[in-house]
């Protein structure tokens, strides 16, 4: 809904209040801020009239009060050009439109790499914890039993080799350590890969959304 003489709801009013001191230095992670110069002689009311179609979308509610427009989105449609943003405040002052938009999607993309890096460090810690125990077990087994003589693998028959027959398997201890074949350990590599992917998504999205929303506001205000 909209109305130039309707006071904003409490939820919206809270979004323009002074933020806690600690948030001032980190809220750029999920906030997109900027400003757009208005055409000459264009009033704030006319500006919001031109921007109104952007907020008449499914799942979007908004309020206008004097020189301020606040909005909130819930279950926004995919075709909504501002679907990446969950809420925000737009203000007209001195022939300039200033906006402060909040995106949970950007926040999640920022936190995802940290989560996967934590998984990687946990995997490394688990491997380091298991390594001494496995080494102690192998040493005890080696002291208790004499190492078996290395089994000699007979050469392949030339005819079998020509026909492509597989080579005879080696004994269990040859390809691994003294305790037998190499065991598969959890590796942190996949976690690092996913961390890199989400970090790239955040950086690209942060820059791209900043430019797209500014371009969208400019075109809407200019009526193009």
C-alpha atoms as a PDB file:
ATOM      1  CA  UNK A   1       0.000   0.000   0.000  1.00  0.00           C
ATOM      2  CA  UNK A   2       1.090   3.600  -0.414  1.00  0.00           C
ATOM      3  CA  UNK A   3       0.182   7.081   0.751  1.00  0.00           C
ATOM      4  CA  UNK A   4       2.060  10.294   1.116  1.00  0.00           C
ATOM      5  CA  UNK A   5       0.366  11.156   4.414  1.00  0.00           C
ATOM      6  CA  UNK A   6       0.553   7.775   6.127  1.00  0.00           C
ATOM      7  CA  UNK A   7       2.979   7.431   9.007  1.00  0.00           C
ATOM      8  CA  UNK A   8       5.325   4.465   8.682  1.00  0.00           C
ATOM      9  CA  UNK A   9       4.755   1.325  10.705  1.00  0.00           C
ATOM     10  CA  UNK A  10       6.941   0.607  13.724  1.00  0.00           C
ATOM     11  CA  UNK A  11       8.870  -2.040  11.801  1.00  0.00           C
ATOM     12  CA  UNK A  12       9.725   0.441   9.095  1.00  0.00           C
ATOM     13  CA  UNK A  13      10.471   3.251  11.498  1.00  0.00           C
ATOM     14  CA  UNK A  14      12.973   1.044  13.276  1.00  0.00           C
ATOM     15  CA  UNK A  15      14.961   0.624  10.086  1.00  0.00           C
ATOM     16  CA  UNK A  16      15.855   4.325   9.977  1.00  0.00           C
ATOM     17  CA  UNK A  17      16.855   4.617  13.616  1.00  0.00           C
ATOM     18  CA  UNK A  18      20.468   4.950  14.646  1.00  0.00           C
ATOM     19  CA  UNK A  19      22.290   1.628  14.386  1.00  0.00           C
ATOM     20  CA  UNK A  20      24.433   0.191  17.176  1.00  0.00           C
ATOM     21  CA  UNK A  21      28.025   1.367  17.026  1.00  0.00           C
ATOM     22  CA  UNK A  22      29.443  -2.090  16.223  1.00  0.00           C
ATOM     23  CA  UNK A  23      27.202  -2.522  13.176  1.00  0.00           C
ATOM     24  CA  UNK A  24      28.367   0.657  11.494  1.00  0.00           C
ATOM     25  CA  UNK A  25      31.580  -1.012  10.343  1.00  0.00           C
ATOM     26  CA  UNK A  26      30.206  -4.364   9.187  1.00  0.00           C
ATOM     27  CA  UNK A  27      26.680  -3.769   7.905  1.00  0.00           C
ATOM     28  CA  UNK A  28      28.075  -2.939   4.446  1.00  0.00           C
ATOM     29  CA  UNK A  29      28.227  -6.723   4.035  1.00  0.00           C
ATOM     30  CA  UNK A  30      24.460  -7.027   3.570  1.00  0.00           C
ATOM     31  CA  UNK A  31      23.513  -3.384   2.918  1.00  0.00           C
ATOM     32  CA  UNK A  32      23.587  -1.713  -0.490  1.00  0.00           C
ATOM     33  CA  UNK A  33      23.690   2.071  -0.227  1.00  0.00           C
ATOM     34  CA  UNK A  34      23.894   4.808  -2.811  1.00  0.00           C
ATOM     35  CA  UNK A  35      22.372   7.977  -4.145  1.00  0.00           C
ATOM     36  CA  UNK A  36      20.919   9.226  -7.419  1.00  0.00           C
ATOM     37  CA  UNK A  37      20.656  12.871  -8.455  1.00  0.00           C
ATOM     38  CA  UNK A  38      17.121  13.894  -9.397  1.00  0.00           C
ATOM     39  CA  UNK A  39      16.265  15.728 -12.620  1.00  0.00           C
ATOM     40  CA  UNK A  40      15.882  19.497 -12.238  1.00  0.00           C
ATOM     41  CA  UNK A  41      12.605  20.636 -10.663  1.00  0.00           C
ATOM     42  CA  UNK A  42      11.527  17.076  -9.833  1.00  0.00           C
ATOM     43  CA  UNK A  43       9.928  16.875  -6.396  1.00  0.00           C
ATOM     44  CA  UNK A  44      10.200  14.031  -3.936  1.00  0.00           C
ATOM     45  CA  UNK A  45       6.527  13.167  -4.431  1.00  0.00           C
ATOM     46  CA  UNK A  46       6.972  12.900  -8.187  1.00  0.00           C
ATOM     47  CA  UNK A  47      10.097  10.796  -7.651  1.00  0.00           C
ATOM     48  CA  UNK A  48       8.259   8.297  -5.488  1.00  0.00           C
ATOM     49  CA  UNK A  49       5.368   8.217  -7.976  1.00  0.00           C
ATOM     50  CA  UNK A  50       7.787   7.103 -10.656  1.00  0.00           C
ATOM     51  CA  UNK A  51       9.391   4.543  -8.351  1.00  0.00           C
ATOM     52  CA  UNK A  52       6.044   3.173  -7.137  1.00  0.00           C
ATOM     53  CA  UNK A  53       5.723   0.458  -9.863  1.00  0.00           C
ATOM     54  CA  UNK A  54       8.880  -1.171  -8.509  1.00  0.00           C
ATOM     55  CA  UNK A  55       7.116  -1.745  -5.187  1.00  0.00           C
ATOM     56  CA  UNK A  56       3.732  -2.832  -6.548  1.00  0.00           C
ATOM     57  CA  UNK A  57       4.926  -6.405  -6.706  1.00  0.00           C
ATOM     58  CA  UNK A  58       3.721  -9.668  -5.195  1.00  0.00           C
ATOM     59  CA  UNK A  59       4.955 -10.029  -1.622  1.00  0.00           C
ATOM     60  CA  UNK A  60       5.985  -6.366  -1.343  1.00  0.00           C
ATOM     61  CA  UNK A  61       4.500  -3.833   1.068  1.00  0.00           C
ATOM     62  CA  UNK A  62       5.598  -0.209   1.245  1.00  0.00           C
ATOM     63  CA  UNK A  63       4.767   3.105   2.886  1.00  0.00           C
ATOM     64  CA  UNK A  64       5.410   6.700   1.935  1.00  0.00           C
ATOM     65  CA  UNK A  65       5.684   9.413   4.533  1.00  0.00           C
ATOM     66  CA  UNK A  66       6.774  12.896   3.523  1.00  0.00           C
ATOM     67  CA  UNK A  67      10.213  12.458   1.883  1.00  0.00           C
ATOM     68  CA  UNK A  68      10.718   8.817   2.912  1.00  0.00           C
ATOM     69  CA  UNK A  69       9.655   5.514   1.373  1.00  0.00           C
ATOM     70  CA  UNK A  70      10.126   2.268   3.278  1.00  0.00           C
ATOM     71  CA  UNK A  71       9.426  -1.217   1.961  1.00  0.00           C
ATOM     72  CA  UNK A  72       9.566  -4.849   2.967  1.00  0.00           C
ATOM     73  CA  UNK A  73       9.423  -8.016   0.867  1.00  0.00           C
ATOM     74  CA  UNK A  74       8.267 -11.524   1.729  1.00  0.00           C
ATOM     75  CA  UNK A  75       8.324 -14.399  -0.756  1.00  0.00           C
ATOM     76  CA  UNK A  76       9.097 -12.053  -3.617  1.00  0.00           C
ATOM     77  CA  UNK A  77       8.466 -13.354  -7.125  1.00  0.00           C
ATOM     78  CA  UNK A  78      11.424 -14.308  -9.292  1.00  0.00           C
ATOM     79  CA  UNK A  79      10.499 -11.688 -11.908  1.00  0.00           C
ATOM     80  CA  UNK A  80      10.670  -8.941  -9.288  1.00  0.00           C
ATOM     81  CA  UNK A  81      13.627  -6.763 -10.259  1.00  0.00           C
ATOM     82  CA  UNK A  82      14.320  -6.085  -6.560  1.00  0.00           C
ATOM     83  CA  UNK A  83      13.748  -9.627  -5.293  1.00  0.00           C
ATOM     84  CA  UNK A  84      17.275  -9.881  -3.884  1.00  0.00           C
ATOM     85  CA  UNK A  85      16.443  -7.177  -1.324  1.00  0.00           C
ATOM     86  CA  UNK A  86      14.316  -7.919   1.745  1.00  0.00           C
ATOM     87  CA  UNK A  87      13.705  -4.377   2.958  1.00  0.00           C
ATOM     88  CA  UNK A  88      15.008  -0.862   2.638  1.00  0.00           C
ATOM     89  CA  UNK A  89      14.605   2.887   3.017  1.00  0.00           C
ATOM     90  CA  UNK A  90      14.610   5.543   0.287  1.00  0.00           C
ATOM     91  CA  UNK A  91      14.802   9.263   1.114  1.00  0.00           C
ATOM     92  CA  UNK A  92      14.717  12.373  -1.019  1.00  0.00           C
ATOM     93  CA  UNK A  93      16.756  15.292   0.253  1.00  0.00           C
ATOM     94  CA  UNK A  94      18.272  18.277  -1.551  1.00  0.00           C
ATOM     95  CA  UNK A  95      17.303  16.916  -4.987  1.00  0.00           C
ATOM     96  CA  UNK A  96      19.057  13.615  -4.286  1.00  0.00           C
ATOM     97  CA  UNK A  97      17.525  10.180  -3.765  1.00  0.00           C
ATOM     98  CA  UNK A  98      19.425   8.220  -1.122  1.00  0.00           C
ATOM     99  CA  UNK A  99      18.737   4.546  -0.514  1.00  0.00           C
ATOM    100  CA  UNK A 100      19.742   1.912   2.014  1.00  0.00           C
ATOM    101  CA  UNK A 101      18.709  -1.614   1.001  1.00  0.00           C
ATOM    102  CA  UNK A 102      19.100  -4.848   2.970  1.00  0.00           C
ATOM    103  CA  UNK A 103      19.781  -8.239   1.372  1.00  0.00           C
ATOM    104  CA  UNK A 104      19.850 -11.476   3.362  1.00  0.00           C
ATOM    105  CA  UNK A 105      21.063 -13.286   0.240  1.00  0.00           C
ATOM    106  CA  UNK A 106      24.283 -11.259   0.307  1.00  0.00           C
ATOM    107  CA  UNK A 107      24.714 -11.981   3.998  1.00  0.00           C
ATOM    108  CA  UNK A 108      24.309 -15.740   3.466  1.00  0.00           C
ATOM    109  CA  UNK A 109      26.790 -15.713   0.573  1.00  0.00           C
ATOM    110  CA  UNK A 110      29.265 -13.893   2.813  1.00  0.00           C
ATOM    111  CA  UNK A 111      28.851 -16.352   5.702  1.00  0.00           C
ATOM    112  CA  UNK A 112      28.926 -19.518   3.571  1.00  0.00           C
ATOM    113  CA  UNK A 113      32.713 -19.412   2.891  1.00  0.00           C
ATOM    114  CA  UNK A 114      33.371 -19.014   6.611  1.00  0.00           C
ATOM    115  CA  UNK A 115      31.234 -22.074   7.313  1.00  0.00           C
ATOM    116  CA  UNK A 116      33.049 -24.211   4.739  1.00  0.00           C
ATOM    117  CA  UNK A 117      36.434 -23.019   6.005  1.00  0.00           C
ATOM    118  CA  UNK A 118      35.352 -24.155   9.465  1.00  0.00           C
ATOM    119  CA  UNK A 119      34.486 -27.578   7.987  1.00  0.00           C
ATOM    120  CA  UNK A 120      37.945 -27.742   6.393  1.00  0.00           C
ATOM    121  CA  UNK A 121      39.702 -26.911   9.651  1.00  0.00           C
ATOM    122  CA  UNK A 122      37.589 -29.492  11.486  1.00  0.00           C
ATOM    123  CA  UNK A 123      38.578 -32.137   8.904  1.00  0.00           C
ATOM    124  CA  UNK A 124      42.263 -31.293   9.323  1.00  0.00           C
ATOM    125  CA  UNK A 125      41.941 -31.441  13.110  1.00  0.00           C
ATOM    126  CA  UNK A 126      40.229 -34.854  12.944  1.00  0.00           C
ATOM    127  CA  UNK A 127      42.947 -36.227  10.643  1.00  0.00           C
ATOM    128  CA  UNK A 128      45.680 -34.948  12.976  1.00  0.00           C
ATOM    129  CA  UNK A 129      43.897 -36.500  15.948  1.00  0.00           C
ATOM    130  CA  UNK A 130      43.575 -39.884  14.252  1.00  0.00           C
ATOM    131  CA  UNK A 131      47.154 -39.969  12.959  1.00  0.00           C
ATOM    132  CA  UNK A 132      48.942 -40.582  16.328  1.00  0.00           C
ATOM    133  CA  UNK A 133      46.466 -43.332  17.244  1.00  0.00           C
ATOM    134  CA  UNK A 134      46.932 -45.086  13.906  1.00  0.00           C
ATOM    135  CA  UNK A 135      50.714 -44.778  14.167  1.00  0.00           C
ATOM    136  CA  UNK A 136      50.722 -46.265  17.680  1.00  0.00           C
ATOM    137  CA  UNK A 137      48.553 -49.176  16.551  1.00  0.00           C
ATOM    138  CA  UNK A 138      50.807 -49.877  13.581  1.00  0.00           C
ATOM    139  CA  UNK A 139      53.953 -49.784  15.702  1.00  0.00           C
ATOM    140  CA  UNK A 140      52.499 -52.241  18.213  1.00  0.00           C
ATOM    141  CA  UNK A 141      51.408 -54.603  15.461  1.00  0.00           C
ATOM    142  CA  UNK A 142      54.825 -54.431  13.832  1.00  0.00           C
ATOM    143  CA  UNK A 143      56.601 -55.253  17.100  1.00  0.00           C
ATOM    144  CA  UNK A 144      54.296 -58.217  17.735  1.00  0.00           C
ATOM    145  CA  UNK A 145      54.537 -59.765  14.329  1.00  0.00           C
ATOM    146  CA  UNK A 146      57.547 -60.080  12.116  1.00  0.00           C
ATOM    147  CA  UNK A 147      57.046 -58.548   8.724  1.00  0.00           C
ATOM    148  CA  UNK A 148      56.067 -61.072   6.135  1.00  0.00           C
ATOM    149  CA  UNK A 149      58.416 -61.676   3.293  1.00  0.00           C
ATOM    150  CA  UNK A 150      57.625 -59.667   0.251  1.00  0.00           C
ATOM    151  CA  UNK A 151      55.620 -61.752  -2.122  1.00  0.00           C
ATOM    152  CA  UNK A 152      57.172 -62.098  -5.532  1.00  0.00           C
ATOM    153  CA  UNK A 153      54.683 -61.444  -8.305  1.00  0.00           C
ATOM    154  CA  UNK A 154      55.305 -63.800 -11.252  1.00  0.00           C
ATOM    155  CA  UNK A 155      55.628 -62.177 -14.655  1.00  0.00           C
ATOM    156  CA  UNK A 156      52.601 -62.221 -16.945  1.00  0.00           C
ATOM    157  CA  UNK A 157      52.305 -64.721 -19.728  1.00  0.00           C
ATOM    158  CA  UNK A 158      53.094 -62.968 -23.048  1.00  0.00           C
ATOM    159  CA  UNK A 159      49.856 -64.284 -24.525  1.00  0.00           C
ATOM    160  CA  UNK A 160      47.781 -62.937 -21.602  1.00  0.00           C
ATOM    161  CA  UNK A 161      49.598 -59.633 -21.846  1.00  0.00           C
ATOM    162  CA  UNK A 162      48.884 -59.409 -25.586  1.00  0.00           C
ATOM    163  CA  UNK A 163      45.207 -60.119 -24.946  1.00  0.00           C
ATOM    164  CA  UNK A 164      45.046 -57.251 -22.437  1.00  0.00           C
ATOM    165  CA  UNK A 165      44.597 -59.319 -19.296  1.00  0.00           C
ATOM    166  CA  UNK A 166      45.016 -57.332 -16.034  1.00  0.00           C
ATOM    167  CA  UNK A 167      48.290 -57.661 -14.180  1.00  0.00           C
ATOM    168  CA  UNK A 168      48.334 -59.715 -10.952  1.00  0.00           C
ATOM    169  CA  UNK A 169      47.476 -57.716  -7.842  1.00  0.00           C
ATOM    170  CA  UNK A 170      50.258 -56.763  -5.500  1.00  0.00           C
ATOM    171  CA  UNK A 171      50.218 -57.798  -1.902  1.00  0.00           C
ATOM    172  CA  UNK A 172      48.227 -55.652   0.527  1.00  0.00           C
ATOM    173  CA  UNK A 173      51.287 -54.079   2.118  1.00  0.00           C
ATOM    174  CA  UNK A 174      53.046 -52.901  -1.022  1.00  0.00           C
ATOM    175  CA  UNK A 175      50.897 -49.924  -1.996  1.00  0.00           C
ATOM    176  CA  UNK A 176      50.358 -48.703   1.541  1.00  0.00           C
ATOM    177  CA  UNK A 177      52.275 -48.386   4.757  1.00  0.00           C
ATOM    178  CA  UNK A 178      53.323 -51.160   7.077  1.00  0.00           C
ATOM    179  CA  UNK A 179      49.755 -51.578   8.238  1.00  0.00           C
ATOM    180  CA  UNK A 180      48.310 -52.481   4.848  1.00  0.00           C
ATOM    181  CA  UNK A 181      46.749 -50.652   1.904  1.00  0.00           C
ATOM    182  CA  UNK A 182      46.445 -46.904   1.962  1.00  0.00           C
ATOM    183  CA  UNK A 183      43.324 -45.870   3.813  1.00  0.00           C
ATOM    184  CA  UNK A 184      41.125 -43.089   2.496  1.00  0.00           C
ATOM    185  CA  UNK A 185      41.113 -40.106   4.845  1.00  0.00           C
ATOM    186  CA  UNK A 186      38.651 -37.212   4.815  1.00  0.00           C
ATOM    187  CA  UNK A 187      40.103 -34.351   2.794  1.00  0.00           C
ATOM    188  CA  UNK A 188      39.405 -30.632   3.295  1.00  0.00           C
ATOM    189  CA  UNK A 189      39.696 -29.941  -0.438  1.00  0.00           C
ATOM    190  CA  UNK A 190      35.924 -29.989  -1.204  1.00  0.00           C
ATOM    191  CA  UNK A 191      35.292 -27.540   1.639  1.00  0.00           C
ATOM    192  CA  UNK A 192      37.947 -25.174   0.250  1.00  0.00           C
ATOM    193  CA  UNK A 193      36.386 -25.436  -3.215  1.00  0.00           C
ATOM    194  CA  UNK A 194      32.901 -24.550  -1.941  1.00  0.00           C
ATOM    195  CA  UNK A 195      34.330 -21.707   0.144  1.00  0.00           C
ATOM    196  CA  UNK A 196      35.951 -20.281  -2.975  1.00  0.00           C
ATOM    197  CA  UNK A 197      32.739 -20.621  -4.992  1.00  0.00           C
ATOM    198  CA  UNK A 198      30.608 -18.783  -2.444  1.00  0.00           C
ATOM    199  CA  UNK A 199      33.269 -16.115  -1.942  1.00  0.00           C
ATOM    200  CA  UNK A 200      33.255 -15.466  -5.690  1.00  0.00           C
ATOM    201  CA  UNK A 201      29.442 -15.381  -5.717  1.00  0.00           C
ATOM    202  CA  UNK A 202      29.429 -12.810  -2.930  1.00  0.00           C
ATOM    203  CA  UNK A 203      31.996 -10.531  -4.577  1.00  0.00           C
ATOM    204  CA  UNK A 204      30.282 -10.698  -7.958  1.00  0.00           C
ATOM    205  CA  UNK A 205      26.814 -10.260  -6.442  1.00  0.00           C
ATOM    206  CA  UNK A 206      27.878  -7.376  -4.211  1.00  0.00           C
ATOM    207  CA  UNK A 207      29.304  -5.381  -7.103  1.00  0.00           C
ATOM    208  CA  UNK A 208      26.648  -6.396  -9.625  1.00  0.00           C
ATOM    209  CA  UNK A 209      23.627  -5.687  -7.417  1.00  0.00           C
ATOM    210  CA  UNK A 210      25.039  -2.295  -6.475  1.00  0.00           C
ATOM    211  CA  UNK A 211      25.258  -1.304 -10.140  1.00  0.00           C
ATOM    212  CA  UNK A 212      21.968  -2.886 -11.179  1.00  0.00           C
ATOM    213  CA  UNK A 213      19.850  -1.221  -8.498  1.00  0.00           C
ATOM    214  CA  UNK A 214      21.396   2.186  -9.160  1.00  0.00           C
ATOM    215  CA  UNK A 215      20.731   1.792 -12.884  1.00  0.00           C
ATOM    216  CA  UNK A 216      17.152   0.678 -12.155  1.00  0.00           C
ATOM    217  CA  UNK A 217      16.463   3.725  -9.974  1.00  0.00           C
ATOM    218  CA  UNK A 218      18.005   6.083 -12.536  1.00  0.00           C
ATOM    219  CA  UNK A 219      15.845   4.720 -15.346  1.00  0.00           C
ATOM    220  CA  UNK A 220      12.686   4.781 -13.233  1.00  0.00           C
ATOM    221  CA  UNK A 221      13.258   8.356 -12.060  1.00  0.00           C
ATOM    222  CA  UNK A 222      13.995   9.519 -15.589  1.00  0.00           C
ATOM    223  CA  UNK A 223      10.894   7.731 -16.876  1.00  0.00           C
ATOM    224  CA  UNK A 224      12.806   5.621 -19.409  1.00  0.00           C
END
